[in-house]
């Protein structure tokens, strides 16, 4: 989808494409809004110029810790250490997006998808980020601001997310 790329991905110089985001929706039923919000908060939508940090460079756009084991880890390469934590790596953007799709759709029996489809951002963040992790309140505030901004921008362009 050209409007995804023009409005969200290209300004961030992302390795992620609009086709990848639509593919996540079609294959894993991850809402487009959820993808834009979460990956925007985690790695600045996969910006490879430094804004997305080393995790974007290693195609871990959703910031999945290497300690997490599941089908998403099957295609992972050696972990990378960032801020004292080991994170998964993937060889390219498509593999990283696929791994993230598997992660979101299968983790905890699909709890993330259930919460995202129901638009329950606080409940999602409690698990994904961790309610007891330092910086949680700022993370939650950022997520909600992104939800509002992305919805408004999409509506202005004639798209409903």
N, C-alpha and C. Protein backbone atom coordinates (compact mmCIF):
# COMPACT_ATOMS: atom_id res chain seq x y z
N UNK A 1 0.83 -1.18 0.00
CA UNK A 1 0.00 0.00 0.00
C UNK A 1 0.88 1.25 0.00
N UNK A 2 0.73 1.99 -1.07
CA UNK A 2 1.55 3.18 -1.26
C UNK A 2 1.36 4.21 -0.14
N UNK A 3 0.14 4.38 0.37
CA UNK A 3 -0.09 5.39 1.40
C UNK A 3 0.63 5.05 2.70
N UNK A 4 0.81 3.76 2.99
CA UNK A 4 1.58 3.36 4.18
C UNK A 4 3.03 3.80 4.03
N UNK A 5 3.58 3.51 2.88
CA UNK A 5 4.98 3.85 2.66
C UNK A 5 5.19 5.36 2.65
N UNK A 6 4.35 6.07 1.92
CA UNK A 6 4.53 7.52 1.79
C UNK A 6 4.36 8.24 3.12
N UNK A 7 3.41 7.80 3.94
CA UNK A 7 3.10 8.51 5.18
C UNK A 7 3.91 8.07 6.39
N UNK A 8 4.27 6.80 6.46
CA UNK A 8 4.91 6.32 7.68
C UNK A 8 6.29 5.71 7.48
N UNK A 9 6.50 4.98 6.42
CA UNK A 9 7.76 4.24 6.30
C UNK A 9 8.89 5.04 5.66
N UNK A 10 8.61 5.69 4.55
CA UNK A 10 9.67 6.46 3.87
C UNK A 10 10.21 7.60 4.73
N UNK A 11 9.34 8.34 5.45
CA UNK A 11 9.89 9.40 6.30
C UNK A 11 10.86 8.87 7.36
N UNK A 12 10.71 7.60 7.71
CA UNK A 12 11.60 6.97 8.69
C UNK A 12 12.74 6.20 8.04
N UNK A 13 12.80 6.23 6.72
CA UNK A 13 13.83 5.49 6.00
C UNK A 13 13.88 4.04 6.47
N UNK A 14 12.72 3.44 6.49
CA UNK A 14 12.53 2.11 7.04
C UNK A 14 12.88 1.00 6.06
N UNK A 15 13.37 -0.10 6.62
CA UNK A 15 13.58 -1.32 5.83
C UNK A 15 12.27 -2.07 5.66
N UNK A 16 11.27 -1.68 6.41
CA UNK A 16 9.94 -2.30 6.35
C UNK A 16 9.20 -1.69 5.16
N UNK A 17 8.43 -2.51 4.46
CA UNK A 17 7.63 -2.01 3.33
C UNK A 17 6.15 -2.06 3.67
N UNK A 18 5.37 -1.31 2.91
CA UNK A 18 3.92 -1.36 3.06
C UNK A 18 3.38 -2.75 2.81
N UNK A 19 3.99 -3.45 1.85
CA UNK A 19 3.55 -4.83 1.56
C UNK A 19 3.75 -5.73 2.77
N UNK A 20 4.83 -5.53 3.52
CA UNK A 20 5.08 -6.34 4.71
C UNK A 20 4.00 -6.11 5.76
N UNK A 21 3.60 -4.86 5.92
CA UNK A 21 2.57 -4.53 6.92
C UNK A 21 1.22 -5.13 6.52
N UNK A 22 0.88 -5.03 5.25
CA UNK A 22 -0.37 -5.63 4.76
C UNK A 22 -0.29 -7.15 4.87
N UNK A 23 0.88 -7.70 4.57
CA UNK A 23 1.10 -9.14 4.68
C UNK A 23 0.88 -9.62 6.12
N UNK A 24 1.37 -8.86 7.10
CA UNK A 24 1.14 -9.21 8.51
C UNK A 24 -0.36 -9.24 8.83
N UNK A 25 -1.07 -8.28 8.26
CA UNK A 25 -2.53 -8.25 8.47
C UNK A 25 -3.19 -9.47 7.84
N UNK A 26 -2.80 -9.77 6.61
CA UNK A 26 -3.44 -10.86 5.87
C UNK A 26 -3.08 -12.24 6.42
N UNK A 27 -1.83 -12.44 6.80
CA UNK A 27 -1.36 -13.76 7.24
C UNK A 27 -1.60 -13.98 8.73
N UNK A 28 -1.31 -12.97 9.56
CA UNK A 28 -1.39 -13.14 11.01
C UNK A 28 -2.54 -12.37 11.66
N UNK A 29 -3.31 -11.64 10.86
CA UNK A 29 -4.43 -10.84 11.35
C UNK A 29 -3.99 -9.76 12.34
N UNK A 30 -2.79 -9.24 12.15
CA UNK A 30 -2.30 -8.14 12.99
C UNK A 30 -2.81 -6.84 12.37
N UNK A 31 -3.61 -6.09 13.10
CA UNK A 31 -4.14 -4.84 12.54
C UNK A 31 -3.02 -3.89 12.10
N UNK A 32 -3.23 -3.21 10.99
CA UNK A 32 -2.24 -2.27 10.47
C UNK A 32 -1.92 -1.21 11.52
N UNK A 33 -2.94 -0.72 12.21
CA UNK A 33 -2.72 0.28 13.26
C UNK A 33 -1.75 -0.26 14.30
N UNK A 34 -1.96 -1.50 14.74
CA UNK A 34 -1.10 -2.09 15.76
C UNK A 34 0.34 -2.17 15.28
N UNK A 35 0.54 -2.56 14.04
CA UNK A 35 1.90 -2.65 13.50
C UNK A 35 2.56 -1.28 13.51
N UNK A 36 1.86 -0.27 13.01
CA UNK A 36 2.44 1.08 12.96
C UNK A 36 2.74 1.62 14.35
N UNK A 37 1.84 1.39 15.29
CA UNK A 37 2.02 1.91 16.65
C UNK A 37 3.18 1.21 17.35
N UNK A 38 3.15 -0.11 17.36
CA UNK A 38 4.17 -0.85 18.12
C UNK A 38 5.55 -0.69 17.50
N UNK A 39 5.66 -0.87 16.20
CA UNK A 39 6.98 -0.76 15.59
C UNK A 39 7.48 0.68 15.59
N UNK A 40 6.56 1.63 15.59
CA UNK A 40 6.96 3.02 15.73
C UNK A 40 7.55 3.29 17.10
N UNK A 41 6.93 2.73 18.11
CA UNK A 41 7.41 2.91 19.49
C UNK A 41 8.71 2.15 19.75
N UNK A 42 8.85 0.99 19.14
CA UNK A 42 10.00 0.14 19.44
C UNK A 42 11.25 0.52 18.66
N UNK A 43 11.16 0.67 17.36
CA UNK A 43 12.36 0.94 16.55
C UNK A 43 12.13 2.02 15.51
N UNK A 44 11.28 2.96 15.83
CA UNK A 44 10.96 4.04 14.89
C UNK A 44 10.64 3.49 13.51
N UNK A 45 9.75 2.49 13.50
CA UNK A 45 9.31 1.82 12.28
C UNK A 45 10.48 1.26 11.47
N UNK A 46 11.48 0.75 12.19
CA UNK A 46 12.59 0.10 11.51
C UNK A 46 13.55 1.05 10.83
N UNK A 47 13.65 2.28 11.33
CA UNK A 47 14.56 3.26 10.74
C UNK A 47 16.00 2.77 10.89
N UNK A 48 16.67 2.59 9.76
CA UNK A 48 18.03 2.06 9.76
C UNK A 48 19.10 3.13 9.87
N UNK A 49 18.71 4.41 9.98
CA UNK A 49 19.69 5.49 9.99
C UNK A 49 20.17 5.82 11.40
N UNK A 50 19.82 5.04 12.36
CA UNK A 50 20.24 5.29 13.73
C UNK A 50 19.08 5.58 14.65
N UNK A 51 18.03 6.17 14.13
CA UNK A 51 16.87 6.48 14.96
C UNK A 51 16.23 5.19 15.49
N UNK A 52 16.27 4.14 14.70
CA UNK A 52 15.72 2.86 15.13
C UNK A 52 16.69 2.03 15.94
N UNK A 53 17.93 2.46 16.00
CA UNK A 53 18.93 1.80 16.83
C UNK A 53 19.39 0.46 16.30
N UNK A 54 20.24 -0.21 17.08
CA UNK A 54 20.82 -1.48 16.65
C UNK A 54 19.79 -2.59 16.45
N UNK A 55 18.64 -2.49 17.10
CA UNK A 55 17.64 -3.53 16.91
C UNK A 55 17.00 -3.43 15.53
N UNK A 56 16.84 -2.22 15.02
CA UNK A 56 16.35 -2.08 13.64
C UNK A 56 17.40 -2.61 12.67
N UNK A 57 18.65 -2.34 12.95
CA UNK A 57 19.73 -2.82 12.09
C UNK A 57 19.79 -4.34 12.05
N UNK A 58 19.36 -4.99 13.14
CA UNK A 58 19.37 -6.46 13.18
C UNK A 58 18.01 -7.04 12.84
N UNK A 59 17.14 -6.22 12.28
CA UNK A 59 15.82 -6.64 11.81
C UNK A 59 14.92 -7.18 12.91
N UNK A 60 15.13 -6.69 14.14
CA UNK A 60 14.28 -7.04 15.27
C UNK A 60 13.41 -5.82 15.58
N UNK A 61 12.47 -5.56 14.68
CA UNK A 61 11.69 -4.33 14.74
C UNK A 61 10.74 -4.27 15.92
N UNK A 62 10.35 -5.41 16.48
CA UNK A 62 9.46 -5.44 17.64
C UNK A 62 10.18 -5.64 18.94
N UNK A 63 11.52 -5.62 18.90
CA UNK A 63 12.34 -5.75 20.11
C UNK A 63 12.02 -7.03 20.89
N UNK A 64 12.24 -8.17 20.26
CA UNK A 64 11.99 -9.46 20.90
C UNK A 64 13.27 -9.93 21.56
N UNK A 65 13.21 -10.16 22.87
CA UNK A 65 14.38 -10.60 23.63
C UNK A 65 14.80 -12.00 23.20
N UNK A 66 16.11 -12.23 23.20
CA UNK A 66 16.65 -13.54 22.81
C UNK A 66 16.23 -14.61 23.80
N UNK A 67 15.91 -14.23 25.02
CA UNK A 67 15.47 -15.20 26.03
C UNK A 67 14.11 -15.80 25.67
N UNK A 68 13.36 -15.12 24.82
CA UNK A 68 12.05 -15.65 24.44
C UNK A 68 12.23 -16.75 23.39
N UNK A 69 11.62 -17.87 23.66
CA UNK A 69 11.77 -19.03 22.78
C UNK A 69 10.40 -19.39 22.22
N UNK A 70 10.37 -19.71 20.96
CA UNK A 70 9.14 -20.10 20.28
C UNK A 70 9.42 -20.23 18.81
N UNK A 71 8.38 -20.43 18.04
CA UNK A 71 8.53 -20.60 16.59
C UNK A 71 9.20 -19.39 15.95
N UNK A 72 9.03 -18.19 16.53
CA UNK A 72 9.65 -16.99 15.98
C UNK A 72 11.17 -17.05 16.06
N UNK A 73 11.71 -17.82 16.99
CA UNK A 73 13.16 -17.91 17.18
C UNK A 73 13.82 -18.88 16.20
N UNK A 74 13.02 -19.67 15.53
CA UNK A 74 13.58 -20.69 14.63
C UNK A 74 14.42 -20.10 13.50
N UNK A 75 14.10 -18.89 13.06
CA UNK A 75 14.83 -18.28 11.95
C UNK A 75 15.83 -17.23 12.43
N UNK A 76 15.99 -17.11 13.75
CA UNK A 76 16.87 -16.08 14.31
C UNK A 76 18.34 -16.45 14.14
N UNK A 77 19.14 -15.40 14.01
CA UNK A 77 20.58 -15.56 13.98
C UNK A 77 21.14 -15.39 15.39
N UNK A 78 22.44 -15.16 15.49
CA UNK A 78 23.04 -14.96 16.81
C UNK A 78 22.49 -13.69 17.45
N UNK A 79 22.33 -13.70 18.77
CA UNK A 79 21.77 -12.51 19.43
C UNK A 79 22.74 -11.34 19.41
N UNK A 80 22.19 -10.16 19.60
CA UNK A 80 22.97 -8.93 19.72
C UNK A 80 22.69 -8.36 21.11
N UNK A 81 23.70 -7.81 21.74
CA UNK A 81 23.53 -7.22 23.07
C UNK A 81 23.35 -5.72 22.93
N UNK A 82 22.24 -5.22 23.46
CA UNK A 82 21.93 -3.80 23.45
C UNK A 82 21.47 -3.43 24.85
N UNK A 83 22.10 -2.42 25.42
CA UNK A 83 21.77 -1.96 26.78
C UNK A 83 21.76 -3.11 27.78
N UNK A 84 22.72 -4.01 27.67
CA UNK A 84 22.88 -5.10 28.63
C UNK A 84 21.91 -6.26 28.48
N UNK A 85 21.10 -6.26 27.42
CA UNK A 85 20.13 -7.33 27.18
C UNK A 85 20.40 -7.96 25.83
N UNK A 86 20.23 -9.27 25.74
CA UNK A 86 20.39 -9.95 24.45
C UNK A 86 19.06 -9.98 23.72
N UNK A 87 19.13 -9.65 22.42
CA UNK A 87 17.95 -9.57 21.56
C UNK A 87 18.14 -10.46 20.35
N UNK A 88 17.04 -10.97 19.81
CA UNK A 88 17.11 -11.77 18.59
C UNK A 88 17.59 -10.92 17.42
N UNK A 89 18.15 -11.57 16.42
CA UNK A 89 18.49 -10.93 15.15
C UNK A 89 17.91 -11.78 14.03
N UNK A 90 17.64 -11.14 12.90
CA UNK A 90 17.20 -11.86 11.70
C UNK A 90 17.97 -11.35 10.51
N UNK A 91 18.13 -12.20 9.49
CA UNK A 91 19.01 -11.84 8.37
C UNK A 91 18.51 -10.72 7.47
N UNK A 92 17.19 -10.48 7.45
CA UNK A 92 16.65 -9.44 6.58
C UNK A 92 15.30 -8.98 7.13
N UNK A 93 14.81 -7.88 6.56
CA UNK A 93 13.58 -7.27 7.07
C UNK A 93 12.38 -8.20 6.96
N UNK A 94 12.22 -8.90 5.85
CA UNK A 94 11.06 -9.79 5.69
C UNK A 94 11.08 -10.91 6.73
N UNK A 95 12.24 -11.49 6.97
CA UNK A 95 12.34 -12.56 7.97
C UNK A 95 12.04 -12.01 9.36
N UNK A 96 12.55 -10.81 9.64
CA UNK A 96 12.27 -10.18 10.93
C UNK A 96 10.79 -9.87 11.11
N UNK A 97 10.14 -9.40 10.07
CA UNK A 97 8.71 -9.11 10.16
C UNK A 97 7.90 -10.39 10.32
N UNK A 98 8.31 -11.45 9.62
CA UNK A 98 7.63 -12.73 9.76
C UNK A 98 7.78 -13.25 11.17
N UNK A 99 8.98 -13.17 11.73
CA UNK A 99 9.21 -13.63 13.09
C UNK A 99 8.34 -12.85 14.08
N UNK A 100 8.25 -11.54 13.86
CA UNK A 100 7.42 -10.71 14.75
C UNK A 100 5.95 -11.09 14.62
N UNK A 101 5.51 -11.39 13.39
CA UNK A 101 4.13 -11.83 13.18
C UNK A 101 3.84 -13.13 13.91
N UNK A 102 4.78 -14.06 13.83
CA UNK A 102 4.62 -15.34 14.55
C UNK A 102 4.59 -15.08 16.06
N UNK A 103 5.49 -14.22 16.52
CA UNK A 103 5.55 -13.88 17.94
C UNK A 103 4.22 -13.30 18.43
N UNK A 104 3.73 -12.28 17.74
CA UNK A 104 2.48 -11.64 18.17
C UNK A 104 1.28 -12.57 18.08
N UNK A 105 1.29 -13.45 17.08
CA UNK A 105 0.10 -14.30 16.89
C UNK A 105 0.11 -15.55 17.75
N UNK A 106 1.27 -15.94 18.28
CA UNK A 106 1.31 -17.20 19.04
C UNK A 106 1.69 -17.04 20.50
N UNK A 107 2.36 -15.96 20.86
CA UNK A 107 2.81 -15.78 22.24
C UNK A 107 1.62 -15.84 23.21
N UNK A 108 1.78 -16.58 24.27
CA UNK A 108 0.72 -16.66 25.28
C UNK A 108 -0.60 -17.14 24.74
N UNK A 109 -0.55 -18.03 23.75
CA UNK A 109 -1.79 -18.54 23.17
C UNK A 109 -2.55 -17.51 22.35
N UNK A 110 -1.85 -16.49 21.89
CA UNK A 110 -2.48 -15.46 21.06
C UNK A 110 -3.00 -14.27 21.85
N UNK A 111 -2.54 -14.10 23.09
CA UNK A 111 -3.04 -13.03 23.94
C UNK A 111 -2.80 -11.65 23.33
N UNK A 112 -1.66 -11.45 22.66
CA UNK A 112 -1.39 -10.15 22.06
C UNK A 112 -2.41 -9.80 20.99
N UNK A 113 -2.69 -10.76 20.11
CA UNK A 113 -3.67 -10.49 19.05
C UNK A 113 -5.04 -10.19 19.63
N UNK A 114 -5.42 -10.93 20.63
CA UNK A 114 -6.73 -10.70 21.27
C UNK A 114 -6.82 -9.27 21.80
N UNK A 115 -5.78 -8.82 22.47
CA UNK A 115 -5.78 -7.48 23.05
C UNK A 115 -5.72 -6.39 21.98
N UNK A 116 -4.92 -6.62 20.95
CA UNK A 116 -4.80 -5.61 19.89
C UNK A 116 -6.07 -5.49 19.08
N UNK A 117 -6.71 -6.59 18.81
CA UNK A 117 -7.98 -6.54 18.06
C UNK A 117 -9.06 -5.84 18.86
N UNK A 118 -8.99 -5.96 20.20
CA UNK A 118 -9.98 -5.33 21.06
C UNK A 118 -9.60 -3.89 21.41
N UNK A 119 -8.45 -3.41 20.88
CA UNK A 119 -8.00 -2.05 21.12
C UNK A 119 -7.72 -1.82 22.61
N UNK A 120 -7.18 -2.81 23.29
CA UNK A 120 -6.88 -2.73 24.73
C UNK A 120 -5.38 -2.49 24.90
N UNK A 121 -4.98 -1.24 24.67
CA UNK A 121 -3.56 -0.90 24.64
C UNK A 121 -2.89 -1.01 26.00
N UNK A 122 -3.58 -0.65 27.08
CA UNK A 122 -2.98 -0.76 28.40
C UNK A 122 -2.71 -2.23 28.74
N UNK A 123 -3.68 -3.07 28.48
CA UNK A 123 -3.50 -4.50 28.76
C UNK A 123 -2.36 -5.08 27.91
N UNK A 124 -2.29 -4.65 26.66
CA UNK A 124 -1.21 -5.10 25.78
C UNK A 124 0.14 -4.66 26.35
N UNK A 125 0.28 -3.38 26.67
CA UNK A 125 1.55 -2.85 27.15
C UNK A 125 1.97 -3.47 28.47
N UNK A 126 1.00 -3.80 29.32
CA UNK A 126 1.32 -4.46 30.59
C UNK A 126 2.15 -5.72 30.37
N UNK A 127 1.83 -6.45 29.32
CA UNK A 127 2.54 -7.71 29.03
C UNK A 127 3.74 -7.46 28.13
N UNK A 128 3.55 -6.75 27.04
CA UNK A 128 4.59 -6.57 26.01
C UNK A 128 5.78 -5.80 26.57
N UNK A 129 5.53 -4.71 27.25
CA UNK A 129 6.60 -3.88 27.81
C UNK A 129 6.91 -4.30 29.24
N UNK A 130 5.85 -4.56 30.00
CA UNK A 130 5.97 -4.93 31.41
C UNK A 130 5.59 -3.78 32.30
N UNK A 131 4.49 -3.93 33.03
CA UNK A 131 3.98 -2.86 33.88
C UNK A 131 4.97 -2.46 34.97
N UNK A 132 5.82 -3.38 35.37
CA UNK A 132 6.78 -3.10 36.45
C UNK A 132 8.15 -2.66 35.94
N UNK A 133 8.28 -2.49 34.62
CA UNK A 133 9.55 -2.06 34.04
C UNK A 133 9.65 -0.54 34.09
N UNK A 134 10.83 -0.05 34.45
CA UNK A 134 11.04 1.40 34.49
C UNK A 134 10.68 2.01 33.15
N UNK A 135 10.00 3.12 33.19
CA UNK A 135 9.62 3.82 31.97
C UNK A 135 8.27 3.40 31.41
N UNK A 136 7.56 2.54 32.14
CA UNK A 136 6.28 2.03 31.62
C UNK A 136 5.28 3.16 31.36
N UNK A 137 5.16 4.10 32.27
CA UNK A 137 4.17 5.18 32.10
C UNK A 137 4.47 5.98 30.83
N UNK A 138 5.74 6.28 30.59
CA UNK A 138 6.11 7.02 29.38
C UNK A 138 5.83 6.19 28.13
N UNK A 139 6.11 4.89 28.20
CA UNK A 139 5.84 4.00 27.06
C UNK A 139 4.35 3.99 26.75
N UNK A 140 3.54 3.88 27.78
CA UNK A 140 2.09 3.84 27.59
C UNK A 140 1.59 5.16 27.01
N UNK A 141 2.10 6.25 27.52
CA UNK A 141 1.71 7.57 27.00
C UNK A 141 2.08 7.68 25.51
N UNK A 142 3.27 7.20 25.17
CA UNK A 142 3.72 7.23 23.78
C UNK A 142 2.82 6.38 22.90
N UNK A 143 2.48 5.17 23.36
CA UNK A 143 1.59 4.30 22.56
C UNK A 143 0.26 4.98 22.27
N UNK A 144 -0.35 5.53 23.31
CA UNK A 144 -1.67 6.16 23.12
C UNK A 144 -1.59 7.39 22.22
N UNK A 145 -0.50 8.15 22.33
CA UNK A 145 -0.33 9.31 21.44
C UNK A 145 -0.17 8.84 20.00
N UNK A 146 0.55 7.75 19.80
CA UNK A 146 0.73 7.20 18.45
C UNK A 146 -0.60 6.70 17.89
N UNK A 147 -1.38 6.04 18.71
CA UNK A 147 -2.68 5.54 18.26
C UNK A 147 -3.52 6.70 17.74
N UNK A 148 -3.62 7.75 18.52
CA UNK A 148 -4.43 8.91 18.13
C UNK A 148 -3.88 9.59 16.88
N UNK A 149 -2.58 9.81 16.83
CA UNK A 149 -1.97 10.50 15.69
C UNK A 149 -2.11 9.70 14.40
N UNK A 150 -1.88 8.40 14.49
CA UNK A 150 -1.96 7.56 13.29
C UNK A 150 -3.39 7.46 12.79
N UNK A 151 -4.32 7.27 13.70
CA UNK A 151 -5.74 7.23 13.30
C UNK A 151 -6.15 8.53 12.63
N UNK A 152 -5.76 9.66 13.21
CA UNK A 152 -6.14 10.96 12.66
C UNK A 152 -5.53 11.17 11.27
N UNK A 153 -4.26 10.83 11.12
CA UNK A 153 -3.59 11.01 9.83
C UNK A 153 -4.21 10.10 8.77
N UNK A 154 -4.53 8.87 9.16
CA UNK A 154 -5.16 7.93 8.21
C UNK A 154 -6.54 8.43 7.82
N UNK A 155 -7.32 8.90 8.78
CA UNK A 155 -8.66 9.40 8.49
C UNK A 155 -8.61 10.60 7.55
N UNK A 156 -7.63 11.47 7.77
CA UNK A 156 -7.48 12.65 6.91
C UNK A 156 -7.18 12.21 5.47
N UNK A 157 -6.47 11.09 5.33
CA UNK A 157 -6.13 10.57 3.99
C UNK A 157 -7.23 9.67 3.44
N UNK A 158 -8.31 9.50 4.22
CA UNK A 158 -9.44 8.69 3.74
C UNK A 158 -9.31 7.20 4.04
N UNK A 159 -8.48 6.85 5.01
CA UNK A 159 -8.30 5.45 5.38
C UNK A 159 -8.74 5.24 6.83
N UNK A 160 -9.35 4.13 7.10
CA UNK A 160 -9.76 3.80 8.46
C UNK A 160 -8.84 2.71 9.00
N UNK A 161 -8.27 2.97 10.16
CA UNK A 161 -7.40 1.97 10.80
C UNK A 161 -7.98 1.56 12.14
